[in-house]
Amino acid sequence: MSYNPTILNIAAVGFFLYELYGFLTSGLSGEAWDYSVIALFLSFGITLTFLGIDAILQWLLKNPWLINAIGILFIITAVFIYKTNF
């Protein structure tokens, strides 16, 4: 099995790097240190979950268009939940 970059794993790594940047800029400057660490651990868990989902999709499906379409649906759902505080 070859593990190729897809939309879902690129978005997951980008999300974690965004959260890491936020942690380094606000957390290390003294603003709510404990909440920044918790948010960083939660974003790491979300990233690992999305990478796991992507690995399972690539293992089950061989069509990269279908894998990316399902990945886009996961990303849209996650953004909707994040933005609406669902």
C-alpha atoms as a PDB file:
ATOM      1  CA  MET A   1       0.000   0.000   0.000  1.00  0.00           C
ATOM      2  CA  SER A   2       1.320   3.407  -0.887  1.00  0.00           C
ATOM      3  CA  TYR A   3       0.372   6.303   1.333  1.00  0.00           C
ATOM      4  CA  ASN A   4      -0.067   9.395  -0.806  1.00  0.00           C
ATOM      5  CA  PRO A   5      -0.730  12.967   0.281  1.00  0.00           C
ATOM      6  CA  THR A   6      -4.425  13.789   0.120  1.00  0.00           C
ATOM      7  CA  ILE A   7      -6.515  16.796   1.027  1.00  0.00           C
ATOM      8  CA  LEU A   8      -7.389  15.350   4.428  1.00  0.00           C
ATOM      9  CA  ASN A   9      -3.855  14.700   5.652  1.00  0.00           C
ATOM     10  CA  ILE A  10      -2.556  18.000   4.287  1.00  0.00           C
ATOM     11  CA  ALA A  11      -5.399  19.846   6.070  1.00  0.00           C
ATOM     12  CA  ALA A  12      -4.766  17.894   9.294  1.00  0.00           C
ATOM     13  CA  VAL A  13      -1.073  18.788   9.350  1.00  0.00           C
ATOM     14  CA  GLY A  14      -1.887  22.392   8.425  1.00  0.00           C
ATOM     15  CA  PHE A  15      -4.409  22.568  11.272  1.00  0.00           C
ATOM     16  CA  PHE A  16      -1.842  21.280  13.760  1.00  0.00           C
ATOM     17  CA  LEU A  17       0.807  23.731  12.550  1.00  0.00           C
ATOM     18  CA  TYR A  18      -1.736  26.569  12.866  1.00  0.00           C
ATOM     19  CA  GLU A  19      -2.544  25.533  16.441  1.00  0.00           C
ATOM     20  CA  LEU A  20       1.160  25.140  17.250  1.00  0.00           C
ATOM     21  CA  TYR A  21       1.809  28.660  15.979  1.00  0.00           C
ATOM     22  CA  GLY A  22      -1.037  29.970  18.132  1.00  0.00           C
ATOM     23  CA  PHE A  23       0.395  28.137  21.128  1.00  0.00           C
ATOM     24  CA  LEU A  24       3.869  29.532  20.590  1.00  0.00           C
ATOM     25  CA  THR A  25       2.687  33.106  20.105  1.00  0.00           C
ATOM     26  CA  SER A  26       0.070  33.351  22.854  1.00  0.00           C
ATOM     27  CA  GLY A  27       0.981  30.544  25.238  1.00  0.00           C
ATOM     28  CA  LEU A  28       4.623  31.423  25.658  1.00  0.00           C
ATOM     29  CA  SER A  29       3.845  35.115  26.068  1.00  0.00           C
ATOM     30  CA  GLY A  30       1.982  34.323  29.294  1.00  0.00           C
ATOM     31  CA  GLU A  31      -1.616  34.366  28.123  1.00  0.00           C
ATOM     32  CA  ALA A  32      -3.575  31.458  29.633  1.00  0.00           C
ATOM     33  CA  TRP A  33      -0.735  28.939  29.602  1.00  0.00           C
ATOM     34  CA  ASP A  34      -2.824  26.016  30.885  1.00  0.00           C
ATOM     35  CA  TYR A  35      -5.568  26.458  28.290  1.00  0.00           C
ATOM     36  CA  SER A  36      -2.994  26.708  25.518  1.00  0.00           C
ATOM     37  CA  VAL A  37      -1.450  23.383  26.487  1.00  0.00           C
ATOM     38  CA  ILE A  38      -4.861  21.706  26.613  1.00  0.00           C
ATOM     39  CA  ALA A  39      -5.778  23.145  23.212  1.00  0.00           C
ATOM     40  CA  LEU A  40      -2.470  21.932  21.775  1.00  0.00           C
ATOM     41  CA  PHE A  41      -3.062  18.382  23.041  1.00  0.00           C
ATOM     42  CA  LEU A  42      -6.623  18.401  21.710  1.00  0.00           C
ATOM     43  CA  SER A  43      -5.492  19.623  18.296  1.00  0.00           C
ATOM     44  CA  PHE A  44      -2.832  16.890  18.250  1.00  0.00           C
ATOM     45  CA  GLY A  45      -5.551  14.328  18.961  1.00  0.00           C
ATOM     46  CA  ILE A  46      -7.744  15.738  16.201  1.00  0.00           C
ATOM     47  CA  THR A  47      -4.794  15.625  13.807  1.00  0.00           C
ATOM     48  CA  LEU A  48      -4.052  11.986  14.651  1.00  0.00           C
ATOM     49  CA  THR A  49      -7.734  11.116  14.218  1.00  0.00           C
ATOM     50  CA  PHE A  50      -7.868  12.706  10.772  1.00  0.00           C
ATOM     51  CA  LEU A  51      -4.613  11.035   9.734  1.00  0.00           C
ATOM     52  CA  GLY A  52      -6.007   7.705  10.908  1.00  0.00           C
ATOM     53  CA  ILE A  53      -9.230   8.233   8.964  1.00  0.00           C
ATOM     54  CA  ASP A  54      -7.177   9.115   5.899  1.00  0.00           C
ATOM     55  CA  ALA A  55      -5.012   6.005   6.265  1.00  0.00           C
ATOM     56  CA  ILE A  56      -8.111   3.815   6.541  1.00  0.00           C
ATOM     57  CA  LEU A  57      -9.661   5.485   3.487  1.00  0.00           C
ATOM     58  CA  GLN A  58      -6.495   4.948   1.472  1.00  0.00           C
ATOM     59  CA  TRP A  59      -6.377   1.324   2.586  1.00  0.00           C
ATOM     60  CA  LEU A  60     -10.017   0.624   1.704  1.00  0.00           C
ATOM     61  CA  LEU A  61     -10.386   2.714  -1.441  1.00  0.00           C
ATOM     62  CA  LYS A  62      -8.055   2.917  -4.402  1.00  0.00           C
ATOM     63  CA  ASN A  63      -9.664   5.849  -6.230  1.00  0.00           C
ATOM     64  CA  PRO A  64      -7.860   9.089  -5.198  1.00  0.00           C
ATOM     65  CA  TRP A  65     -10.787  11.252  -6.366  1.00  0.00           C
ATOM     66  CA  LEU A  66     -13.169   9.441  -4.036  1.00  0.00           C
ATOM     67  CA  ILE A  67     -10.698   9.643  -1.141  1.00  0.00           C
ATOM     68  CA  ASN A  68     -10.316  13.410  -1.654  1.00  0.00           C
ATOM     69  CA  ALA A  69     -14.085  13.889  -1.957  1.00  0.00           C
ATOM     70  CA  ILE A  70     -14.672  12.085   1.342  1.00  0.00           C
ATOM     71  CA  GLY A  71     -11.807  14.088   2.885  1.00  0.00           C
ATOM     72  CA  ILE A  72     -13.412  17.342   1.775  1.00  0.00           C
ATOM     73  CA  LEU A  73     -16.675  16.255   3.430  1.00  0.00           C
ATOM     74  CA  PHE A  74     -14.800  15.572   6.683  1.00  0.00           C
ATOM     75  CA  ILE A  75     -13.107  18.976   6.510  1.00  0.00           C
ATOM     76  CA  ILE A  76     -16.375  20.815   5.782  1.00  0.00           C
ATOM     77  CA  THR A  77     -18.053  19.023   8.690  1.00  0.00           C
ATOM     78  CA  ALA A  78     -15.185  19.832  11.062  1.00  0.00           C
ATOM     79  CA  VAL A  79     -15.168  23.509  10.049  1.00  0.00           C
ATOM     80  CA  PHE A  80     -18.955  23.693  10.461  1.00  0.00           C
ATOM     81  CA  ILE A  81     -18.751  22.194  13.945  1.00  0.00           C
ATOM     82  CA  TYR A  82     -15.844  24.471  14.880  1.00  0.00           C
ATOM     83  CA  LYS A  83     -17.478  27.665  13.598  1.00  0.00           C
ATOM     84  CA  THR A  84     -20.937  27.052  15.060  1.00  0.00           C
ATOM     85  CA  ASN A  85     -19.716  25.778  18.459  1.00  0.00           C
ATOM     86  CA  PHE A  86     -21.961  22.758  17.959  1.00  0.00           C
END
